[in-house]
């Protein structure tokens, strides 16, 4: 599915709400942003990558 968002913040927020039920295929900046957001608590709680 292809969707359009108001801005980058809205795109990140909306996809984060879907947890593992969705994957951003593009743009790359959004993929990186979501990866970094997910990595923060994983690092905090000792999960390995």
PDB file of N, CA and C in Angstrom:
ATOM      1  N   UNK A   1       0.843  -1.154   0.000  1.00  0.00           N
ATOM      2  CA  UNK A   1       0.000   0.000   0.000  1.00  0.00           C
ATOM      3  C   UNK A   1       0.900   1.232   0.000  1.00  0.00           C
ATOM      4  N   UNK A   2       0.550   2.186  -0.758  1.00  0.00           N
ATOM      5  CA  UNK A   2       1.276   3.449  -0.774  1.00  0.00           C
ATOM      6  C   UNK A   2       0.402   4.503  -0.113  1.00  0.00           C
ATOM      7  N   UNK A   3       0.988   5.239   0.821  1.00  0.00           N
ATOM      8  CA  UNK A   3       0.237   6.267   1.542  1.00  0.00           C
ATOM      9  C   UNK A   3       1.011   7.580   1.543  1.00  0.00           C
ATOM     10  N   UNK A   4       0.301   8.665   1.787  1.00  0.00           N
ATOM     11  CA  UNK A   4       0.891   9.994   1.876  1.00  0.00           C
ATOM     12  C   UNK A   4       0.589  10.558   3.260  1.00  0.00           C
ATOM     13  N   UNK A   5       1.580  11.191   3.872  1.00  0.00           N
ATOM     14  CA  UNK A   5       1.434  11.771   5.197  1.00  0.00           C
ATOM     15  C   UNK A   5       1.629  13.272   5.136  1.00  0.00           C
ATOM     16  N   UNK A   6       1.176  13.960   6.188  1.00  0.00           N
ATOM     17  CA  UNK A   6       1.318  15.414   6.260  1.00  0.00           C
ATOM     18  C   UNK A   6       2.783  15.841   6.222  1.00  0.00           C
ATOM     19  N   UNK A   7       3.604  15.141   7.019  1.00  0.00           N
ATOM     20  CA  UNK A   7       5.022  15.486   7.112  1.00  0.00           C
ATOM     21  C   UNK A   7       5.779  14.281   7.651  1.00  0.00           C
ATOM     22  N   UNK A   8       7.085  14.424   7.819  1.00  0.00           N
ATOM     23  CA  UNK A   8       7.912  13.295   8.251  1.00  0.00           C
ATOM     24  C   UNK A   8       7.559  12.836   9.663  1.00  0.00           C
ATOM     25  N   UNK A   9       7.252  13.768  10.540  1.00  0.00           N
ATOM     26  CA  UNK A   9       6.878  13.399  11.904  1.00  0.00           C
ATOM     27  C   UNK A   9       5.611  12.563  11.940  1.00  0.00           C
ATOM     28  N   UNK A  10       4.655  12.937  11.129  1.00  0.00           N
ATOM     29  CA  UNK A  10       3.398  12.189  11.054  1.00  0.00           C
ATOM     30  C   UNK A  10       3.629  10.795  10.487  1.00  0.00           C
ATOM     31  N   UNK A  11       4.477  10.685   9.489  1.00  0.00           N
ATOM     32  CA  UNK A  11       4.778   9.384   8.891  1.00  0.00           C
ATOM     33  C   UNK A  11       5.408   8.460   9.925  1.00  0.00           C
ATOM     34  N   UNK A  12       6.397   8.959  10.656  1.00  0.00           N
ATOM     35  CA  UNK A  12       7.061   8.135  11.664  1.00  0.00           C
ATOM     36  C   UNK A  12       6.075   7.731  12.758  1.00  0.00           C
ATOM     37  N   UNK A  13       5.289   8.663  13.237  1.00  0.00           N
ATOM     38  CA  UNK A  13       4.314   8.380  14.291  1.00  0.00           C
ATOM     39  C   UNK A  13       3.315   7.322  13.839  1.00  0.00           C
ATOM     40  N   UNK A  14       2.756   7.485  12.655  1.00  0.00           N
ATOM     41  CA  UNK A  14       1.727   6.565  12.167  1.00  0.00           C
ATOM     42  C   UNK A  14       2.270   5.149  12.000  1.00  0.00           C
ATOM     43  N   UNK A  15       3.453   5.011  11.446  1.00  0.00           N
ATOM     44  CA  UNK A  15       4.018   3.677  11.260  1.00  0.00           C
ATOM     45  C   UNK A  15       4.434   3.060  12.586  1.00  0.00           C
ATOM     46  N   UNK A  16       4.918   3.863  13.519  1.00  0.00           N
ATOM     47  CA  UNK A  16       5.298   3.337  14.829  1.00  0.00           C
ATOM     48  C   UNK A  16       4.072   2.762  15.535  1.00  0.00           C
ATOM     49  N   UNK A  17       2.907   3.371  15.343  1.00  0.00           N
ATOM     50  CA  UNK A  17       1.680   2.889  15.977  1.00  0.00           C
ATOM     51  C   UNK A  17       1.296   1.491  15.492  1.00  0.00           C
ATOM     52  N   UNK A  18       1.744   1.131  14.303  1.00  0.00           N
ATOM     53  CA  UNK A  18       1.401  -0.177  13.732  1.00  0.00           C
ATOM     54  C   UNK A  18       2.326  -1.286  14.217  1.00  0.00           C
ATOM     55  N   UNK A  19       3.307  -0.952  15.009  1.00  0.00           N
ATOM     56  CA  UNK A  19       4.302  -1.876  15.564  1.00  0.00           C
ATOM     57  C   UNK A  19       4.840  -2.792  14.473  1.00  0.00           C
ATOM     58  N   UNK A  20       4.757  -4.097  14.657  1.00  0.00           N
ATOM     59  CA  UNK A  20       5.336  -5.030  13.686  1.00  0.00           C
ATOM     60  C   UNK A  20       4.367  -5.398  12.568  1.00  0.00           C
ATOM     61  N   UNK A  21       3.215  -4.738  12.522  1.00  0.00           N
ATOM     62  CA  UNK A  21       2.214  -5.041  11.497  1.00  0.00           C
ATOM     63  C   UNK A  21       2.473  -4.332  10.175  1.00  0.00           C
ATOM     64  N   UNK A  22       3.501  -3.505  10.118  1.00  0.00           N
ATOM     65  CA  UNK A  22       3.788  -2.768   8.886  1.00  0.00           C
ATOM     66  C   UNK A  22       5.290  -2.606   8.718  1.00  0.00           C
ATOM     67  N   UNK A  23       5.703  -2.397   7.494  1.00  0.00           N
ATOM     68  CA  UNK A  23       7.110  -2.142   7.190  1.00  0.00           C
ATOM     69  C   UNK A  23       7.188  -0.994   6.196  1.00  0.00           C
ATOM     70  N   UNK A  24       8.029  -0.028   6.501  1.00  0.00           N
ATOM     71  CA  UNK A  24       8.274   1.060   5.564  1.00  0.00           C
ATOM     72  C   UNK A  24       9.313   0.577   4.555  1.00  0.00           C
ATOM     73  N   UNK A  25       8.977   0.606   3.304  1.00  0.00           N
ATOM     74  CA  UNK A  25       9.912   0.207   2.254  1.00  0.00           C
ATOM     75  C   UNK A  25      10.706   1.394   1.738  1.00  0.00           C
ATOM     76  N   UNK A  26      10.122   2.563   1.827  1.00  0.00           N
ATOM     77  CA  UNK A  26      10.766   3.789   1.376  1.00  0.00           C
ATOM     78  C   UNK A  26      10.007   4.948   1.995  1.00  0.00           C
ATOM     79  N   UNK A  27      10.592   6.080   2.123  1.00  0.00           N
ATOM     80  CA  UNK A  27      11.960   6.460   1.801  1.00  0.00           C
ATOM     81  C   UNK A  27      12.952   5.936   2.846  1.00  0.00           C
ATOM     82  N   UNK A  28      14.201   5.941   2.472  1.00  0.00           N
ATOM     83  CA  UNK A  28      15.251   5.395   3.328  1.00  0.00           C
ATOM     84  C   UNK A  28      15.343   6.122   4.662  1.00  0.00           C
ATOM     85  N   UNK A  29      15.155   7.444   4.674  1.00  0.00           N
ATOM     86  CA  UNK A  29      15.252   8.184   5.928  1.00  0.00           C
ATOM     87  C   UNK A  29      14.235   7.685   6.941  1.00  0.00           C
ATOM     88  N   UNK A  30      13.049   7.266   6.476  1.00  0.00           N
ATOM     89  CA  UNK A  30      12.014   6.767   7.375  1.00  0.00           C
ATOM     90  C   UNK A  30      12.409   5.404   7.925  1.00  0.00           C
ATOM     91  N   UNK A  31      12.967   4.558   7.089  1.00  0.00           N
ATOM     92  CA  UNK A  31      13.440   3.247   7.549  1.00  0.00           C
ATOM     93  C   UNK A  31      14.513   3.416   8.627  1.00  0.00           C
ATOM     94  N   UNK A  32      15.449   4.321   8.397  1.00  0.00           N
ATOM     95  CA  UNK A  32      16.517   4.566   9.363  1.00  0.00           C
ATOM     96  C   UNK A  32      15.938   5.124  10.667  1.00  0.00           C
ATOM     97  N   UNK A  33      15.027   6.055  10.563  1.00  0.00           N
ATOM     98  CA  UNK A  33      14.427   6.654  11.744  1.00  0.00           C
ATOM     99  C   UNK A  33      13.694   5.614  12.589  1.00  0.00           C
ATOM    100  N   UNK A  34      12.917   4.746  11.947  1.00  0.00           N
ATOM    101  CA  UNK A  34      12.197   3.704  12.681  1.00  0.00           C
ATOM    102  C   UNK A  34      13.165   2.688  13.289  1.00  0.00           C
ATOM    103  N   UNK A  35      14.213   2.348  12.558  1.00  0.00           N
ATOM    104  CA  UNK A  35      15.225   1.425  13.092  1.00  0.00           C
ATOM    105  C   UNK A  35      15.881   2.014  14.332  1.00  0.00           C
ATOM    106  N   UNK A  36      16.265   3.277  14.260  1.00  0.00           N
ATOM    107  CA  UNK A  36      16.912   3.922  15.398  1.00  0.00           C
ATOM    108  C   UNK A  36      15.976   4.006  16.597  1.00  0.00           C
ATOM    109  N   UNK A  37      14.728   4.284  16.337  1.00  0.00           N
ATOM    110  CA  UNK A  37      13.741   4.371  17.420  1.00  0.00           C
ATOM    111  C   UNK A  37      13.551   3.015  18.089  1.00  0.00           C
ATOM    112  N   UNK A  38      13.532   1.959  17.310  1.00  0.00           N
ATOM    113  CA  UNK A  38      13.378   0.611  17.863  1.00  0.00           C
ATOM    114  C   UNK A  38      14.636   0.156  18.590  1.00  0.00           C
ATOM    115  N   UNK A  39      15.796   0.585  18.122  1.00  0.00           N
ATOM    116  CA  UNK A  39      17.059   0.166  18.724  1.00  0.00           C
ATOM    117  C   UNK A  39      17.275   0.774  20.107  1.00  0.00           C
ATOM    118  N   UNK A  40      16.741   1.943  20.348  1.00  0.00           N
ATOM    119  CA  UNK A  40      16.974   2.628  21.623  1.00  0.00           C
ATOM    120  C   UNK A  40      16.519   1.792  22.822  1.00  0.00           C
ATOM    121  N   UNK A  41      15.268   1.334  22.888  1.00  0.00           N
ATOM    122  CA  UNK A  41      14.889   0.514  24.037  1.00  0.00           C
ATOM    123  C   UNK A  41      15.548  -0.866  24.029  1.00  0.00           C
ATOM    124  N   UNK A  42      15.814  -1.414  22.862  1.00  0.00           N
ATOM    125  CA  UNK A  42      16.496  -2.704  22.797  1.00  0.00           C
ATOM    126  C   UNK A  42      17.879  -2.596  23.422  1.00  0.00           C
ATOM    127  N   UNK A  43      18.564  -1.520  23.153  1.00  0.00           N
ATOM    128  CA  UNK A  43      19.880  -1.286  23.749  1.00  0.00           C
ATOM    129  C   UNK A  43      19.762  -1.069  25.254  1.00  0.00           C
ATOM    130  N   UNK A  44      18.783  -0.294  25.638  1.00  0.00           N
ATOM    131  CA  UNK A  44      18.575   0.010  27.056  1.00  0.00           C
ATOM    132  C   UNK A  44      18.334  -1.255  27.860  1.00  0.00           C
ATOM    133  N   UNK A  45      17.576  -2.200  27.313  1.00  0.00           N
ATOM    134  CA  UNK A  45      17.215  -3.400  28.041  1.00  0.00           C
ATOM    135  C   UNK A  45      18.119  -4.587  27.729  1.00  0.00           C
ATOM    136  N   UNK A  46      19.196  -4.339  27.025  1.00  0.00           N
ATOM    137  CA  UNK A  46      20.215  -5.356  26.848  1.00  0.00           C
ATOM    138  C   UNK A  46      19.980  -6.349  25.725  1.00  0.00           C
ATOM    139  N   UNK A  47      19.064  -6.084  24.821  1.00  0.00           N
ATOM    140  CA  UNK A  47      18.852  -6.977  23.690  1.00  0.00           C
ATOM    141  C   UNK A  47      20.015  -6.853  22.723  1.00  0.00           C
ATOM    142  N   UNK A  48      20.446  -7.957  22.178  1.00  0.00           N
ATOM    143  CA  UNK A  48      21.524  -7.905  21.204  1.00  0.00           C
ATOM    144  C   UNK A  48      20.956  -7.762  19.805  1.00  0.00           C
ATOM    145  N   UNK A  49      21.743  -7.190  18.916  1.00  0.00           N
ATOM    146  CA  UNK A  49      21.258  -6.993  17.544  1.00  0.00           C
ATOM    147  C   UNK A  49      21.631  -8.126  16.644  1.00  0.00           C
TER     148      UNK A  49
END
